[in-house]
Amino acid sequence: MTIFVIMFTLIPFLFISGPEIFVVLLIVVMLFGADKIPEIARGLGKTIRQVKDATNDIKREIKTSAENHGLDTDFTKDITKEINQVKDDIDDITGPIKRTF
């Protein structure tokens, strides 16, 4: 089950389709054998979890350090506001150009 979770989380980022996934799985089975695949999937799952935990720890340390030094850590709202403003401006400019099908 873990290999399917890993595959479906990576598929949107790798831009591969069904037949390509089938070929990759076939090669993996031929190289490692069906009995080794669960071990490989567990190892990949543990590695991904460790990387995720490490990045969360780094984020938390940066945030607490910034808060301790009195820096503003709530800048994401400002960035989101600016992005939405740019989107609205682009929609205003391209509104008459858009085609309806």
Protein backbone atom coordinates (compact mmCIF):
# COMPACT_ATOMS: atom_id res chain seq x y z
CA MET A 1 0.00 0.00 0.00
CA THR A 2 2.85 2.38 0.77
CA ILE A 3 4.23 2.15 -2.75
CA PHE A 4 0.87 3.25 -4.12
CA VAL A 5 0.80 6.24 -1.78
CA ILE A 6 4.32 7.19 -2.85
CA MET A 7 3.46 6.71 -6.51
CA PHE A 8 0.30 8.78 -6.38
CA THR A 9 2.01 11.61 -4.50
CA LEU A 10 4.88 11.70 -7.00
CA ILE A 11 2.88 11.19 -10.21
CA PRO A 12 1.57 14.75 -10.53
CA PHE A 13 5.11 16.07 -10.20
CA LEU A 14 6.70 13.64 -12.64
CA PHE A 15 4.16 14.12 -15.45
CA ILE A 16 3.96 10.45 -16.31
CA SER A 17 0.90 8.56 -17.46
CA GLY A 18 -0.48 5.05 -17.02
CA PRO A 19 1.62 3.14 -19.56
CA GLU A 20 4.81 4.76 -18.31
CA ILE A 21 3.96 3.82 -14.72
CA PHE A 22 3.33 0.24 -15.86
CA VAL A 23 6.75 0.07 -17.55
CA VAL A 24 8.46 1.49 -14.47
CA LEU A 25 6.70 -1.03 -12.20
CA LEU A 26 7.61 -3.86 -14.56
CA ILE A 27 11.27 -2.85 -14.50
CA VAL A 28 11.22 -2.55 -10.70
CA VAL A 29 9.72 -6.04 -10.36
CA MET A 30 12.26 -7.49 -12.78
CA LEU A 31 15.21 -5.84 -11.01
CA PHE A 32 14.29 -6.41 -7.38
CA GLY A 33 11.73 -9.20 -7.42
CA ALA A 34 8.25 -9.13 -5.97
CA ASP A 35 9.42 -10.07 -2.47
CA LYS A 36 11.76 -7.07 -2.12
CA ILE A 37 9.26 -4.39 -3.21
CA PRO A 38 7.54 -4.05 0.21
CA GLU A 39 10.92 -3.56 1.89
CA ILE A 40 11.90 -0.91 -0.65
CA ALA A 41 8.55 0.84 -0.23
CA ARG A 42 8.92 0.85 3.56
CA GLY A 43 12.40 2.30 3.25
CA LEU A 44 11.20 5.01 0.88
CA GLY A 45 8.27 5.79 3.17
CA LYS A 46 10.54 6.12 6.20
CA THR A 47 12.95 8.32 4.26
CA ILE A 48 10.18 10.59 3.04
CA ARG A 49 8.80 10.83 6.60
CA GLN A 50 12.25 11.73 7.99
CA VAL A 51 12.74 14.43 5.36
CA LYS A 52 9.28 15.83 6.08
CA ASP A 53 9.92 15.84 9.84
CA ALA A 54 13.30 17.52 9.34
CA THR A 55 11.81 20.27 7.17
CA ASN A 56 9.04 20.84 9.71
CA ASP A 57 11.65 21.10 12.48
CA ILE A 58 13.64 23.63 10.46
CA LYS A 59 10.51 25.68 9.76
CA ARG A 60 9.57 25.63 13.43
CA GLU A 61 13.08 26.70 14.49
CA ILE A 62 13.12 29.57 12.02
CA LYS A 63 9.69 30.73 13.14
CA THR A 64 10.51 30.62 16.85
CA SER A 65 13.83 32.35 16.29
CA ALA A 66 12.15 35.10 14.29
CA GLU A 67 9.49 35.53 16.96
CA ASN A 68 12.15 35.70 19.69
CA HIS A 69 13.94 38.47 17.79
CA GLY A 70 10.71 40.38 17.25
CA LEU A 71 10.49 39.86 13.49
CA ASP A 72 7.13 39.80 11.73
CA THR A 73 6.37 36.21 10.80
CA ASP A 74 2.91 36.88 9.43
CA PHE A 75 4.06 38.14 6.05
CA THR A 76 2.21 35.43 4.14
CA LYS A 77 -1.03 37.42 4.38
CA ASP A 78 0.68 40.39 2.71
CA ILE A 79 2.08 38.18 -0.04
CA THR A 80 -1.30 36.53 -0.62
CA LYS A 81 -2.96 39.94 -0.78
CA GLU A 82 -0.44 41.15 -3.37
CA ILE A 83 -0.83 37.99 -5.46
CA ASN A 84 -4.60 38.34 -5.46
CA GLN A 85 -4.26 41.99 -6.48
CA VAL A 86 -2.04 41.02 -9.42
CA LYS A 87 -4.52 38.31 -10.45
CA ASP A 88 -7.36 40.83 -10.36
CA ASP A 89 -5.33 43.30 -12.42
CA ILE A 90 -4.57 40.63 -15.01
CA ASP A 91 -8.23 39.64 -15.14
CA ASP A 92 -9.18 43.30 -15.66
CA ILE A 93 -6.69 43.64 -18.51
CA THR A 94 -7.40 40.34 -20.24
CA GLY A 95 -11.14 40.28 -19.58
CA PRO A 96 -12.17 41.62 -23.00
CA ILE A 97 -9.60 39.43 -24.74
CA LYS A 98 -10.84 36.12 -23.34
CA ARG A 99 -12.80 33.99 -25.73
CA THR A 100 -15.84 32.01 -24.77
CA PHE A 101 -16.12 28.64 -26.39
